[in-house]
C-alpha atoms as a PDB file:
ATOM      1  CA  MET A   1      76.721  23.186 165.344  1.00  0.00           C
ATOM      2  CA  LYS A   2      78.447  26.067 163.878  1.00  0.00           C
ATOM      3  CA  ASP A   3      76.724  28.073 161.125  1.00  0.00           C
ATOM      4  CA  ASP A   4      79.583  28.878 158.721  1.00  0.00           C
ATOM      5  CA  ARG A   5      77.909  30.801 155.961  1.00  0.00           C
ATOM      6  CA  GLY A   6      79.959  33.339 154.011  1.00  0.00           C
ATOM      7  CA  SER A   7      78.580  36.364 152.295  1.00  0.00           C
ATOM      8  CA  PRO A   8      76.516  35.476 149.216  1.00  0.00           C
ATOM      9  CA  VAL A   9      78.761  37.555 146.994  1.00  0.00           C
ATOM     10  CA  GLY A  10      82.420  37.357 147.769  1.00  0.00           C
ATOM     11  CA  VAL A  11      84.263  40.437 148.925  1.00  0.00           C
ATOM     12  CA  GLY A  12      86.688  39.964 146.029  1.00  0.00           C
ATOM     13  CA  VAL A  13      83.931  40.344 143.451  1.00  0.00           C
ATOM     14  CA  LEU A  14      82.675  43.573 145.042  1.00  0.00           C
ATOM     15  CA  THR A  15      86.205  44.949 145.106  1.00  0.00           C
ATOM     16  CA  VAL A  16      86.745  44.159 141.429  1.00  0.00           C
ATOM     17  CA  LEU A  17      83.408  45.768 140.507  1.00  0.00           C
ATOM     18  CA  THR A  18      84.256  48.868 142.553  1.00  0.00           C
ATOM     19  CA  VAL A  19      87.671  49.190 140.895  1.00  0.00           C
ATOM     20  CA  LEU A  20      86.101  48.823 137.429  1.00  0.00           C
ATOM     21  CA  LEU A  21      83.484  51.439 138.279  1.00  0.00           C
ATOM     22  CA  VAL A  22      86.125  53.893 139.510  1.00  0.00           C
ATOM     23  CA  LEU A  23      88.261  53.308 136.398  1.00  0.00           C
ATOM     24  CA  THR A  24      85.256  53.844 134.130  1.00  0.00           C
ATOM     25  CA  LEU A  25      84.379  57.093 135.887  1.00  0.00           C
ATOM     26  CA  ALA A  26      88.009  58.240 135.675  1.00  0.00           C
ATOM     27  CA  VAL A  27      88.107  57.580 131.914  1.00  0.00           C
ATOM     28  CA  PHE A  28      84.833  59.459 131.365  1.00  0.00           C
ATOM     29  CA  SER A  29      86.051  62.398 133.438  1.00  0.00           C
ATOM     30  CA  ALA A  30      89.308  62.543 131.435  1.00  0.00           C
ATOM     31  CA  LEU A  31      87.356  62.493 128.161  1.00  0.00           C
ATOM     32  CA  THR A  32      85.031  65.224 129.414  1.00  0.00           C
ATOM     33  CA  TYR A  33      87.973  67.378 130.497  1.00  0.00           C
ATOM     34  CA  THR A  34      89.731  66.933 127.140  1.00  0.00           C
ATOM     35  CA  SER A  35      86.564  67.772 125.232  1.00  0.00           C
ATOM     36  CA  ALA A  36      85.939  70.868 127.356  1.00  0.00           C
ATOM     37  CA  ARG A  37      89.495  72.141 126.791  1.00  0.00           C
ATOM     38  CA  ALA A  38      89.183  71.616 123.028  1.00  0.00           C
ATOM     39  CA  ASP A  39      85.844  73.460 122.986  1.00  0.00           C
ATOM     40  CA  TRP A  40      87.344  76.320 124.995  1.00  0.00           C
ATOM     41  CA  ALA A  41      90.320  76.620 122.615  1.00  0.00           C
ATOM     42  CA  LEU A  42      88.022  76.640 119.584  1.00  0.00           C
ATOM     43  CA  SER A  43      85.789  79.265 121.203  1.00  0.00           C
ATOM     44  CA  ARG A  44      88.837  81.423 121.939  1.00  0.00           C
ATOM     45  CA  ILE A  45      90.004  81.208 118.310  1.00  0.00           C
ATOM     46  CA  ASN A  46      86.487  82.029 117.105  1.00  0.00           C
ATOM     47  CA  ALA A  47      86.247  85.035 119.436  1.00  0.00           C
ATOM     48  CA  ASP A  48      89.638  86.339 118.264  1.00  0.00           C
ATOM     49  CA  THR A  49      88.623  85.950 114.613  1.00  0.00           C
ATOM     50  CA  VAL A  50      85.299  87.734 115.137  1.00  0.00           C
ATOM     51  CA  THR A  51      87.044  90.554 117.018  1.00  0.00           C
ATOM     52  CA  ALA A  52      89.576  90.936 114.194  1.00  0.00           C
ATOM     53  CA  TYR A  53      86.779  90.946 111.591  1.00  0.00           C
ATOM     54  CA  TYR A  54      84.851  93.712 113.328  1.00  0.00           C
ATOM     55  CA  ALA A  55      88.014  95.780 113.791  1.00  0.00           C
ATOM     56  CA  ALA A  56      88.742  95.500 110.051  1.00  0.00           C
ATOM     57  CA  ASP A  57      85.071  96.189 109.267  1.00  0.00           C
ATOM     58  CA  ALA A  58      85.166  99.375 111.371  1.00  0.00           C
ATOM     59  CA  GLU A  59      88.299 100.503 109.517  1.00  0.00           C
ATOM     60  CA  ALA A  60      86.584  99.751 106.188  1.00  0.00           C
ATOM     61  CA  ALA A  61      83.536 101.761 107.275  1.00  0.00           C
ATOM     62  CA  ARG A  62      85.869 104.659 108.101  1.00  0.00           C
ATOM     63  CA  LEU A  63      87.403 104.359 104.615  1.00  0.00           C
ATOM     64  CA  LEU A  64      83.900 104.317 103.083  1.00  0.00           C
ATOM     65  CA  SER A  65      82.969 107.467 104.982  1.00  0.00           C
ATOM     66  CA  GLY A  66      86.144 109.220 103.852  1.00  0.00           C
ATOM     67  CA  PHE A  67      85.630 108.057 100.270  1.00  0.00           C
ATOM     68  CA  SER A  68      82.026 109.310 100.266  1.00  0.00           C
ATOM     69  CA  ALA A  69      83.168 112.755 101.409  1.00  0.00           C
ATOM     70  CA  GLY A  70      86.049 112.897  98.913  1.00  0.00           C
ATOM     71  CA  SER A  71      86.177 113.128  95.148  1.00  0.00           C
ATOM     72  CA  ALA A  72      88.187 110.042  94.161  1.00  0.00           C
ATOM     73  CA  GLU A  73      86.609 107.838  91.508  1.00  0.00           C
ATOM     74  CA  GLU A  74      87.596 104.470  92.961  1.00  0.00           C
ATOM     75  CA  LEU A  75      89.005 102.913  96.126  1.00  0.00           C
ATOM     76  CA  GLU A  76      90.363  99.417  96.585  1.00  0.00           C
ATOM     77  CA  ALA A  77      91.798  98.310  99.920  1.00  0.00           C
ATOM     78  CA  THR A  78      92.708  95.073 101.630  1.00  0.00           C
ATOM     79  CA  LEU A  79      92.646  95.248 105.415  1.00  0.00           C
ATOM     80  CA  PRO A  80      94.408  92.448 107.321  1.00  0.00           C
ATOM     81  CA  MET A  81      92.297  90.566 109.865  1.00  0.00           C
ATOM     82  CA  THR A  82      94.256  87.472 110.866  1.00  0.00           C
ATOM     83  CA  GLU A  83      97.299  85.687 109.499  1.00  0.00           C
ATOM     84  CA  ALA A  84      95.049  83.789 107.105  1.00  0.00           C
ATOM     85  CA  GLN A  85      92.308  86.297 106.203  1.00  0.00           C
ATOM     86  CA  SER A  86      91.885  89.876 105.062  1.00  0.00           C
ATOM     87  CA  LEU A  87      88.889  92.099 104.382  1.00  0.00           C
ATOM     88  CA  ARG A  88      88.822  93.345 100.789  1.00  0.00           C
ATOM     89  CA  ILE A  89      86.754  96.375  99.827  1.00  0.00           C
ATOM     90  CA  HIS A  90      86.242  97.912  96.406  1.00  0.00           C
ATOM     91  CA  LEU A  91      84.313 101.167  96.157  1.00  0.00           C
ATOM     92  CA  ALA A  92      83.447 103.191  93.053  1.00  0.00           C
ATOM     93  CA  ARG A  93      81.744 106.519  92.516  1.00  0.00           C
ATOM     94  CA  ARG A  94      78.755 106.513  90.165  1.00  0.00           C
ATOM     95  CA  ALA A  95      78.050 109.293  87.665  1.00  0.00           C
ATOM     96  CA  ASP A  96      75.462 110.822  90.000  1.00  0.00           C
ATOM     97  CA  GLY A  97      78.026 111.012  92.835  1.00  0.00           C
ATOM     98  CA  THR A  98      76.718 108.135  94.933  1.00  0.00           C
ATOM     99  CA  VAL A  99      79.053 105.399  96.075  1.00  0.00           C
ATOM    100  CA  ALA A 100      78.703 101.821  94.853  1.00  0.00           C
ATOM    101  CA  VAL A 101      80.140  99.040  96.991  1.00  0.00           C
ATOM    102  CA  LEU A 102      81.541  96.568  94.467  1.00  0.00           C
ATOM    103  CA  ALA A 103      83.202  94.258  96.994  1.00  0.00           C
ATOM    104  CA  TRP A 104      83.179  93.936 100.781  1.00  0.00           C
ATOM    105  CA  GLN A 105      84.340  90.434 101.565  1.00  0.00           C
ATOM    106  CA  THR A 106      86.811  88.307 103.455  1.00  0.00           C
ATOM    107  CA  VAL A 107      89.533  86.820 101.290  1.00  0.00           C
ATOM    108  CA  PRO A 108      92.571  84.629 101.970  1.00  0.00           C
ATOM    109  CA  ALA A 109      95.561  86.695 103.066  1.00  0.00           C
ATOM    110  CA  GLN A 110      98.103  87.547 100.392  1.00  0.00           C
ATOM    111  CA  GLY A 111     101.778  88.340 100.711  1.00  0.00           C
ATOM    112  CA  GLU A 112     104.756  86.956 102.525  1.00  0.00           C
ATOM    113  CA  ASP A 113     103.022  86.846 105.922  1.00  0.00           C
ATOM    114  CA  ALA A 114     100.255  84.597 104.593  1.00  0.00           C
ATOM    115  CA  PRO A 115     100.462  80.898 105.399  1.00  0.00           C
ATOM    116  CA  ALA A 116     101.461  78.704 102.478  1.00  0.00           C
ATOM    117  CA  GLU A 117      98.587  77.092 100.608  1.00  0.00           C
ATOM    118  CA  ALA A 118      98.406  73.361 101.052  1.00  0.00           C
ATOM    119  CA  ASP A 119      98.141  71.078  98.044  1.00  0.00           C
ATOM    120  CA  PRO A 120      94.507  70.680  97.080  1.00  0.00           C
ATOM    121  CA  LEU A 121      92.838  67.385  97.807  1.00  0.00           C
ATOM    122  CA  PRO A 122      92.651  64.970  94.883  1.00  0.00           C
ATOM    123  CA  VAL A 123      88.917  65.219  94.208  1.00  0.00           C
ATOM    124  CA  PHE A 124      87.302  63.061  91.517  1.00  0.00           C
ATOM    125  CA  ASP A 125      86.307  65.323  88.618  1.00  0.00           C
ATOM    126  CA  GLY A 126      84.122  62.785  86.796  1.00  0.00           C
ATOM    127  CA  THR A 127      86.582  61.711  84.123  1.00  0.00           C
ATOM    128  CA  LEU A 128      88.028  58.221  84.062  1.00  0.00           C
ATOM    129  CA  PRO A 129      91.699  57.675  83.268  1.00  0.00           C
ATOM    130  CA  ALA A 130      92.381  56.442  79.729  1.00  0.00           C
ATOM    131  CA  GLY A 131      93.620  52.935  79.347  1.00  0.00           C
END
């Protein structure tokens, strides 16, 4: 008598499971790669923005130092940081000669180089339309 037993699980089933496993791993690796590239790009943009801010801040500190040593009554300056942002400073001299910092803040860029403002989102303001 011949014992003609096959494998308990067919070779075809194992092959299909292996192919599905490899495809699943390939999809997860592609998603991981895409996510890592997006995170890297965002980190690069953030680093460039922070570098531009500190460069503008150093220039503003230089202006503050020069203003403190001078005799002008007021100083307003807008220092460009990026295409979309600028650093705005407003300094004034008090009656006792000390300097008051009235503004030292990032603001949206102004002028022809600034990107165009998008239409604001239609946000519900709490009033219902008449009718």
